[in-house]
C-alpha atoms as a PDB file:
ATOM      1  CA  MET A   1     -77.374 187.293  32.813  1.00  0.00           C
ATOM      2  CA  THR A   2     -74.528 188.298  30.581  1.00  0.00           C
ATOM      3  CA  ASP A   3     -75.062 187.964  26.852  1.00  0.00           C
ATOM      4  CA  GLN A   4     -72.276 185.876  25.235  1.00  0.00           C
ATOM      5  CA  LYS A   5     -71.723 186.100  21.493  1.00  0.00           C
ATOM      6  CA  PRO A   6     -71.041 182.824  19.921  1.00  0.00           C
ATOM      7  CA  GLU A   7     -67.499 182.577  18.386  1.00  0.00           C
ATOM      8  CA  THR A   8     -67.415 182.233  14.648  1.00  0.00           C
ATOM      9  CA  ALA A   9     -65.321 179.248  13.520  1.00  0.00           C
ATOM     10  CA  ARG A  10     -62.539 180.206  11.041  1.00  0.00           C
ATOM     11  CA  ALA A  11     -60.257 177.864   9.085  1.00  0.00           C
ATOM     12  CA  PRO A  12     -56.574 178.513   9.665  1.00  0.00           C
ATOM     13  CA  LEU A  13     -55.021 180.716   6.958  1.00  0.00           C
ATOM     14  CA  ALA A  14     -52.008 178.481   6.747  1.00  0.00           C
ATOM     15  CA  ASP A  15     -54.149 175.553   5.741  1.00  0.00           C
ATOM     16  CA  GLU A  16     -55.832 177.614   3.022  1.00  0.00           C
ATOM     17  CA  ASP A  17     -52.490 178.642   1.555  1.00  0.00           C
ATOM     18  CA  ALA A  18     -51.240 175.086   1.537  1.00  0.00           C
ATOM     19  CA  VAL A  19     -54.346 173.902  -0.225  1.00  0.00           C
ATOM     20  CA  GLY A  20     -53.968 176.614  -2.904  1.00  0.00           C
ATOM     21  CA  THR A  21     -50.310 175.846  -3.502  1.00  0.00           C
ATOM     22  CA  ARG A  22     -51.003 172.139  -3.776  1.00  0.00           C
ATOM     23  CA  ALA A  23     -53.732 172.795  -6.275  1.00  0.00           C
ATOM     24  CA  GLN A  24     -51.403 174.927  -8.389  1.00  0.00           C
ATOM     25  CA  ASN A  25     -48.719 172.233  -8.330  1.00  0.00           C
ATOM     26  CA  GLU A  26     -51.195 169.581  -9.296  1.00  0.00           C
ATOM     27  CA  GLY A  27     -52.371 171.792 -12.137  1.00  0.00           C
ATOM     28  CA  ALA A  28     -48.805 172.284 -13.313  1.00  0.00           C
ATOM     29  CA  ASP A  29     -48.138 168.562 -13.245  1.00  0.00           C
ATOM     30  CA  ASP A  30     -51.230 167.954 -15.246  1.00  0.00           C
ATOM     31  CA  ALA A  31     -50.170 170.476 -18.016  1.00  0.00           C
ATOM     32  CA  PRO A  32     -49.342 168.648 -21.290  1.00  0.00           C
ATOM     33  CA  THR A  33     -45.680 168.626 -22.555  1.00  0.00           C
ATOM     34  CA  PRO A  34     -45.312 170.377 -25.963  1.00  0.00           C
ATOM     35  CA  GLN A  35     -44.472 167.920 -28.746  1.00  0.00           C
ATOM     36  CA  LEU A  36     -43.417 168.537 -32.367  1.00  0.00           C
ATOM     37  CA  THR A  37     -45.501 167.070 -35.080  1.00  0.00           C
ATOM     38  CA  GLN A  38     -43.841 165.123 -37.879  1.00  0.00           C
ATOM     39  CA  SER A  39     -44.322 167.985 -40.306  1.00  0.00           C
ATOM     40  CA  GLN A  40     -42.772 170.485 -37.869  1.00  0.00           C
ATOM     41  CA  ALA A  41     -39.791 168.210 -37.231  1.00  0.00           C
ATOM     42  CA  LYS A  42     -39.356 167.743 -40.978  1.00  0.00           C
ATOM     43  CA  ARG A  43     -39.374 171.501 -41.550  1.00  0.00           C
ATOM     44  CA  LEU A  44     -36.638 171.933 -38.899  1.00  0.00           C
ATOM     45  CA  LEU A  45     -34.458 169.156 -40.271  1.00  0.00           C
ATOM     46  CA  THR A  46     -34.704 170.139 -43.941  1.00  0.00           C
ATOM     47  CA  PRO A  47     -32.367 173.226 -43.756  1.00  0.00           C
ATOM     48  CA  MET A  48     -29.824 171.284 -41.693  1.00  0.00           C
ATOM     49  CA  MET A  49     -29.791 168.426 -44.191  1.00  0.00           C
ATOM     50  CA  GLY A  50     -29.360 170.946 -46.998  1.00  0.00           C
ATOM     51  CA  MET A  51     -26.312 172.460 -45.290  1.00  0.00           C
ATOM     52  CA  VAL A  52     -24.769 169.033 -44.733  1.00  0.00           C
ATOM     53  CA  ILE A  53     -25.314 168.038 -48.366  1.00  0.00           C
ATOM     54  CA  THR A  54     -23.878 171.351 -49.620  1.00  0.00           C
ATOM     55  CA  MET A  55     -20.750 170.958 -47.479  1.00  0.00           C
ATOM     56  CA  GLY A  56     -20.316 167.401 -48.707  1.00  0.00           C
ATOM     57  CA  VAL A  57     -20.556 168.493 -52.342  1.00  0.00           C
ATOM     58  CA  LEU A  58     -18.006 171.293 -51.797  1.00  0.00           C
ATOM     59  CA  VAL A  59     -15.559 168.914 -50.120  1.00  0.00           C
ATOM     60  CA  ALA A  60     -15.949 166.441 -52.984  1.00  0.00           C
ATOM     61  CA  ILE A  61     -15.302 169.156 -55.584  1.00  0.00           C
ATOM     62  CA  LEU A  62     -12.199 170.415 -53.765  1.00  0.00           C
ATOM     63  CA  ALA A  63     -10.885 166.873 -53.387  1.00  0.00           C
ATOM     64  CA  ALA A  64     -11.379 166.227 -57.100  1.00  0.00           C
ATOM     65  CA  ILE A  65      -9.515 169.427 -58.013  1.00  0.00           C
ATOM     66  CA  TRP A  66      -6.683 168.525 -55.636  1.00  0.00           C
ATOM     67  CA  PHE A  67      -6.225 165.032 -57.063  1.00  0.00           C
ATOM     68  CA  MET A  68      -6.416 166.278 -60.647  1.00  0.00           C
ATOM     69  CA  ASN A  69      -3.739 168.915 -59.939  1.00  0.00           C
ATOM     70  CA  PRO A  70      -1.313 167.419 -57.406  1.00  0.00           C
ATOM     71  CA  GLU A  71       1.741 169.337 -56.222  1.00  0.00           C
ATOM     72  CA  PRO A  72       4.578 168.558 -58.641  1.00  0.00           C
ATOM     73  CA  ASP A  73       7.413 166.707 -56.964  1.00  0.00           C
ATOM     74  CA  VAL A  74       9.999 168.677 -58.947  1.00  0.00           C
ATOM     75  CA  THR A  75      12.704 171.081 -57.831  1.00  0.00           C
ATOM     76  CA  TYR A  76      13.318 173.775 -60.419  1.00  0.00           C
ATOM     77  CA  THR A  77      16.884 175.003 -60.782  1.00  0.00           C
ATOM     78  CA  ARG A  78      17.619 178.337 -62.419  1.00  0.00           C
ATOM     79  CA  ASP A  79      20.042 177.868 -65.298  1.00  0.00           C
ATOM     80  CA  GLU A  80      20.811 180.860 -67.492  1.00  0.00           C
ATOM     81  CA  ASP A  81      22.100 180.396 -71.021  1.00  0.00           C
ATOM     82  CA  VAL A  82      25.508 182.012 -70.573  1.00  0.00           C
ATOM     83  CA  PRO A  83      26.654 181.872 -74.239  1.00  0.00           C
ATOM     84  CA  GLN A  84      23.378 183.434 -75.355  1.00  0.00           C
ATOM     85  CA  ALA A  85      23.562 186.167 -72.705  1.00  0.00           C
ATOM     86  CA  ALA A  86      27.207 186.777 -73.608  1.00  0.00           C
ATOM     87  CA  SER A  87      26.243 187.298 -77.251  1.00  0.00           C
ATOM     88  CA  TRP A  88      23.757 189.973 -76.171  1.00  0.00           C
ATOM     89  CA  ALA A  89      26.365 191.656 -73.970  1.00  0.00           C
ATOM     90  CA  ASP A  90      28.809 191.532 -76.874  1.00  0.00           C
ATOM     91  CA  ASP A  91      26.603 194.033 -78.710  1.00  0.00           C
ATOM     92  CA  VAL A  92      27.376 196.733 -76.128  1.00  0.00           C
ATOM     93  CA  ALA A  93      30.739 195.678 -74.700  1.00  0.00           C
ATOM     94  CA  GLU A  94      34.036 196.796 -76.209  1.00  0.00           C
ATOM     95  CA  TYR A  95      35.588 193.425 -75.372  1.00  0.00           C
ATOM     96  CA  SER A  96      34.531 189.794 -75.682  1.00  0.00           C
ATOM     97  CA  PRO A  97      32.426 188.842 -72.634  1.00  0.00           C
ATOM     98  CA  LEU A  98      33.637 185.684 -70.938  1.00  0.00           C
ATOM     99  CA  SER A  99      31.663 182.511 -71.634  1.00  0.00           C
ATOM    100  CA  PRO A 100      33.616 179.715 -69.943  1.00  0.00           C
ATOM    101  CA  ASP A 101      33.039 176.022 -70.614  1.00  0.00           C
ATOM    102  CA  VAL A 102      32.194 174.899 -67.088  1.00  0.00           C
ATOM    103  CA  PRO A 103      31.056 171.327 -66.271  1.00  0.00           C
ATOM    104  CA  ALA A 104      27.589 170.436 -67.540  1.00  0.00           C
ATOM    105  CA  GLU A 105      26.458 169.645 -63.995  1.00  0.00           C
ATOM    106  CA  TRP A 106      26.858 173.292 -63.002  1.00  0.00           C
ATOM    107  CA  SER A 107      23.986 175.741 -63.387  1.00  0.00           C
ATOM    108  CA  ALA A 108      24.209 179.480 -64.001  1.00  0.00           C
ATOM    109  CA  ASN A 109      22.326 181.521 -61.397  1.00  0.00           C
ATOM    110  CA  TYR A 110      22.760 184.730 -63.373  1.00  0.00           C
ATOM    111  CA  ALA A 111      24.455 186.042 -66.506  1.00  0.00           C
ATOM    112  CA  ARG A 112      24.022 189.791 -66.935  1.00  0.00           C
ATOM    113  CA  TRP A 113      25.408 193.061 -68.176  1.00  0.00           C
ATOM    114  CA  GLU A 114      25.126 195.750 -65.522  1.00  0.00           C
ATOM    115  CA  THR A 115      26.047 199.388 -65.120  1.00  0.00           C
ATOM    116  CA  ARG A 116      27.397 200.164 -61.664  1.00  0.00           C
ATOM    117  CA  THR A 117      26.617 203.850 -61.596  1.00  0.00           C
ATOM    118  CA  GLU A 118      28.099 204.277 -58.126  1.00  0.00           C
ATOM    119  CA  PHE A 119      31.496 203.266 -59.541  1.00  0.00           C
ATOM    120  CA  GLY A 120      31.038 204.395 -63.138  1.00  0.00           C
ATOM    121  CA  VAL A 121      31.748 200.865 -64.368  1.00  0.00           C
ATOM    122  CA  ASP A 122      29.959 198.617 -66.870  1.00  0.00           C
ATOM    123  CA  VAL A 123      30.278 194.968 -65.839  1.00  0.00           C
ATOM    124  CA  TRP A 124      29.667 191.548 -67.343  1.00  0.00           C
ATOM    125  CA  GLU A 125      29.098 189.020 -64.566  1.00  0.00           C
ATOM    126  CA  VAL A 126      28.132 185.372 -64.251  1.00  0.00           C
ATOM    127  CA  GLY A 127      27.545 183.177 -61.206  1.00  0.00           C
ATOM    128  CA  TYR A 128      27.397 179.375 -61.038  1.00  0.00           C
ATOM    129  CA  THR A 129      26.124 176.780 -58.606  1.00  0.00           C
ATOM    130  CA  THR A 130      28.536 173.868 -58.738  1.00  0.00           C
ATOM    131  CA  GLU A 131      27.750 170.157 -58.584  1.00  0.00           C
ATOM    132  CA  ALA A 132      28.554 170.262 -54.857  1.00  0.00           C
ATOM    133  CA  VAL A 133      26.029 173.120 -54.509  1.00  0.00           C
ATOM    134  CA  ASP A 134      28.732 175.715 -53.882  1.00  0.00           C
ATOM    135  CA  PHE A 135      29.245 179.029 -55.653  1.00  0.00           C
ATOM    136  CA  VAL A 136      31.792 180.307 -58.158  1.00  0.00           C
ATOM    137  CA  GLY A 137      31.386 183.478 -60.187  1.00  0.00           C
ATOM    138  CA  PHE A 138      33.249 186.234 -61.985  1.00  0.00           C
ATOM    139  CA  ALA A 139      32.903 189.900 -62.873  1.00  0.00           C
ATOM    140  CA  GLN A 140      34.645 191.392 -65.929  1.00  0.00           C
ATOM    141  CA  THR A 141      35.149 194.973 -67.075  1.00  0.00           C
ATOM    142  CA  ASP A 142      37.502 197.029 -69.217  1.00  0.00           C
ATOM    143  CA  ASP A 143      37.033 200.127 -67.057  1.00  0.00           C
ATOM    144  CA  ALA A 144      37.945 198.991 -63.554  1.00  0.00           C
ATOM    145  CA  ASN A 145      38.847 201.277 -60.688  1.00  0.00           C
ATOM    146  CA  ALA A 146      39.990 200.641 -57.130  1.00  0.00           C
ATOM    147  CA  ALA A 147      36.553 201.314 -55.614  1.00  0.00           C
ATOM    148  CA  TRP A 148      34.892 198.762 -57.860  1.00  0.00           C
ATOM    149  CA  VAL A 149      37.548 196.114 -57.190  1.00  0.00           C
ATOM    150  CA  ASN A 150      37.257 196.662 -53.424  1.00  0.00           C
ATOM    151  CA  ALA A 151      33.508 196.205 -53.664  1.00  0.00           C
ATOM    152  CA  GLU A 152      33.887 193.019 -55.724  1.00  0.00           C
ATOM    153  CA  VAL A 153      36.217 191.451 -53.152  1.00  0.00           C
ATOM    154  CA  ASP A 154      33.938 192.683 -50.354  1.00  0.00           C
ATOM    155  CA  GLN A 155      36.954 194.519 -48.902  1.00  0.00           C
ATOM    156  CA  ALA A 156      38.537 191.195 -48.003  1.00  0.00           C
ATOM    157  CA  PRO A 157      42.216 191.512 -47.043  1.00  0.00           C
ATOM    158  CA  GLN A 158      44.841 190.585 -49.601  1.00  0.00           C
ATOM    159  CA  THR A 159      46.577 187.314 -48.807  1.00  0.00           C
ATOM    160  CA  GLY A 160      49.201 187.332 -51.550  1.00  0.00           C
ATOM    161  CA  THR A 161      49.682 186.777 -55.278  1.00  0.00           C
ATOM    162  CA  THR A 162      49.712 183.738 -57.506  1.00  0.00           C
ATOM    163  CA  THR A 163      50.492 182.970 -61.142  1.00  0.00           C
ATOM    164  CA  ILE A 164      48.129 180.752 -63.113  1.00  0.00           C
ATOM    165  CA  ALA A 165      48.613 179.987 -66.814  1.00  0.00           C
ATOM    166  CA  GLY A 166      51.166 182.804 -67.010  1.00  0.00           C
ATOM    167  CA  LEU A 167      48.790 185.403 -65.524  1.00  0.00           C
ATOM    168  CA  ASP A 168      49.437 187.151 -62.206  1.00  0.00           C
ATOM    169  CA  PHE A 169      46.499 187.286 -59.784  1.00  0.00           C
ATOM    170  CA  ARG A 170      46.069 189.041 -56.453  1.00  0.00           C
ATOM    171  CA  THR A 171      44.460 186.779 -53.870  1.00  0.00           C
ATOM    172  CA  HIS A 172      42.048 187.847 -51.144  1.00  0.00           C
ATOM    173  CA  GLN A 173      40.152 185.803 -48.591  1.00  0.00           C
ATOM    174  CA  GLN A 174      37.519 186.399 -45.935  1.00  0.00           C
ATOM    175  CA  GLU A 175      36.270 183.403 -43.959  1.00  0.00           C
ATOM    176  CA  ASP A 176      35.361 180.708 -46.526  1.00  0.00           C
ATOM    177  CA  ARG A 177      35.132 183.136 -49.454  1.00  0.00           C
ATOM    178  CA  ARG A 178      38.164 183.625 -51.692  1.00  0.00           C
ATOM    179  CA  TYR A 179      38.856 186.065 -54.504  1.00  0.00           C
ATOM    180  CA  TYR A 180      41.306 186.141 -57.414  1.00  0.00           C
ATOM    181  CA  VAL A 181      41.854 189.516 -59.064  1.00  0.00           C
ATOM    182  CA  LEU A 182      43.373 189.726 -62.549  1.00  0.00           C
ATOM    183  CA  GLU A 183      44.085 193.396 -63.179  1.00  0.00           C
ATOM    184  CA  GLY A 184      43.925 194.783 -66.697  1.00  0.00           C
ATOM    185  CA  GLN A 185      47.632 195.637 -66.850  1.00  0.00           C
ATOM    186  CA  ASN A 186      48.475 192.005 -66.018  1.00  0.00           C
ATOM    187  CA  ASN A 187      46.017 190.550 -68.509  1.00  0.00           C
ATOM    188  CA  GLU A 188      47.875 189.930 -71.750  1.00  0.00           C
ATOM    189  CA  ARG A 189      44.888 188.107 -73.252  1.00  0.00           C
ATOM    190  CA  ASP A 190      42.328 190.909 -73.638  1.00  0.00           C
ATOM    191  CA  GLY A 191      43.318 193.644 -71.169  1.00  0.00           C
ATOM    192  CA  THR A 192      40.165 193.350 -69.036  1.00  0.00           C
ATOM    193  CA  THR A 193      40.041 193.213 -65.254  1.00  0.00           C
ATOM    194  CA  VAL A 194      38.450 190.018 -63.944  1.00  0.00           C
ATOM    195  CA  VAL A 195      37.484 189.221 -60.350  1.00  0.00           C
ATOM    196  CA  ILE A 196      36.796 185.540 -59.686  1.00  0.00           C
ATOM    197  CA  SER A 197      35.164 184.630 -56.374  1.00  0.00           C
ATOM    198  CA  GLY A 198      33.422 181.794 -54.589  1.00  0.00           C
ATOM    199  CA  ASP A 199      33.231 179.360 -51.728  1.00  0.00           C
ATOM    200  CA  ALA A 200      33.675 176.156 -53.745  1.00  0.00           C
ATOM    201  CA  GLY A 201      36.207 173.539 -52.758  1.00  0.00           C
ATOM    202  CA  ASP A 202      39.671 173.421 -54.280  1.00  0.00           C
ATOM    203  CA  ALA A 203      38.829 170.966 -57.068  1.00  0.00           C
ATOM    204  CA  GLU A 204      35.781 172.867 -58.319  1.00  0.00           C
ATOM    205  CA  PHE A 205      37.421 176.254 -57.876  1.00  0.00           C
ATOM    206  CA  ASP A 206      40.378 175.065 -59.973  1.00  0.00           C
ATOM    207  CA  LEU A 207      37.948 173.926 -62.695  1.00  0.00           C
ATOM    208  CA  ALA A 208      36.358 177.363 -62.704  1.00  0.00           C
ATOM    209  CA  MET A 209      39.704 179.152 -62.851  1.00  0.00           C
ATOM    210  CA  GLU A 210      40.847 177.012 -65.773  1.00  0.00           C
ATOM    211  CA  ALA A 211      37.599 177.507 -67.720  1.00  0.00           C
ATOM    212  CA  ILE A 212      37.552 181.274 -67.149  1.00  0.00           C
ATOM    213  CA  ILE A 213      41.197 181.748 -68.112  1.00  0.00           C
ATOM    214  CA  ASP A 214      40.733 179.620 -71.250  1.00  0.00           C
ATOM    215  CA  SER A 215      37.845 181.838 -72.373  1.00  0.00           C
ATOM    216  CA  LEU A 216      39.768 185.129 -72.002  1.00  0.00           C
ATOM    217  CA  GLY A 217      39.853 186.934 -75.345  1.00  0.00           C
ATOM    218  CA  ARG A 218      37.809 184.244 -77.089  1.00  0.00           C
ATOM    219  CA  GLU A 219      35.217 185.514 -79.531  1.00  0.00           C
ATOM    220  CA  VAL A 220      31.684 185.168 -78.241  1.00  0.00           C
ATOM    221  CA  SER A 221      30.533 183.447 -81.428  1.00  0.00           C
ATOM    222  CA  ASP A 222      33.140 180.751 -80.808  1.00  0.00           C
ATOM    223  CA  ALA A 223      32.052 180.411 -77.177  1.00  0.00           C
ATOM    224  CA  ALA A 224      28.396 180.046 -78.194  1.00  0.00           C
ATOM    225  CA  ASP A 225      29.281 177.221 -80.592  1.00  0.00           C
ATOM    226  CA  ASN A 226      31.073 175.193 -77.919  1.00  0.00           C
ATOM    227  CA  ASP A 227      29.063 172.671 -75.922  1.00  0.00           C
ATOM    228  CA  ASN A 228      29.689 172.188 -72.211  1.00  0.00           C
ATOM    229  CA  PRO A 229      31.799 169.106 -71.503  1.00  0.00           C
END
């Protein structure tokens, strides 16, 4: 007789693995979900609430400052005191600086005594913004030379000559800018050279010419006492 060893029964490995995996999954499903306690939640919210309150306070402070100091709805216009500036220039000039009686609606952008070292010329000059928001100005000196005059007219070509109030002017023009040059030898009032320039319309330019010519040779003290019309 042949001895036969009985076969040992073994459970399939695949079934064992499945059972283990299922057990792990069931264990995972049974694990409790972490939850914050009221005290923990309060500790987390407290810094955030503090930041929100701080931002709100800052915004309120800035708003209060803004409303207490609103932007002024005012346009400031520069307006130099020409008679006063002319009286200062009179202390150094050897002639009476021009201080014309221009319309009260005009404002003086500048009124100054300057030394043009590149030309060797001391100059009294004033510039106005007219009521129509155009420009008219003049430059006056008793020591003019050709280089300075050319610079004052911006090298604009000469267009002719004209006589106003008995004074002979050279006229120059470049685009919308015009220039009237009264040379010292043609100025019987005070012997200074005056260059008048601007882009104002005819009516306002004529007003400027008349006011400037009327003030030629007038003492500065007299000009300072006159009120603008």
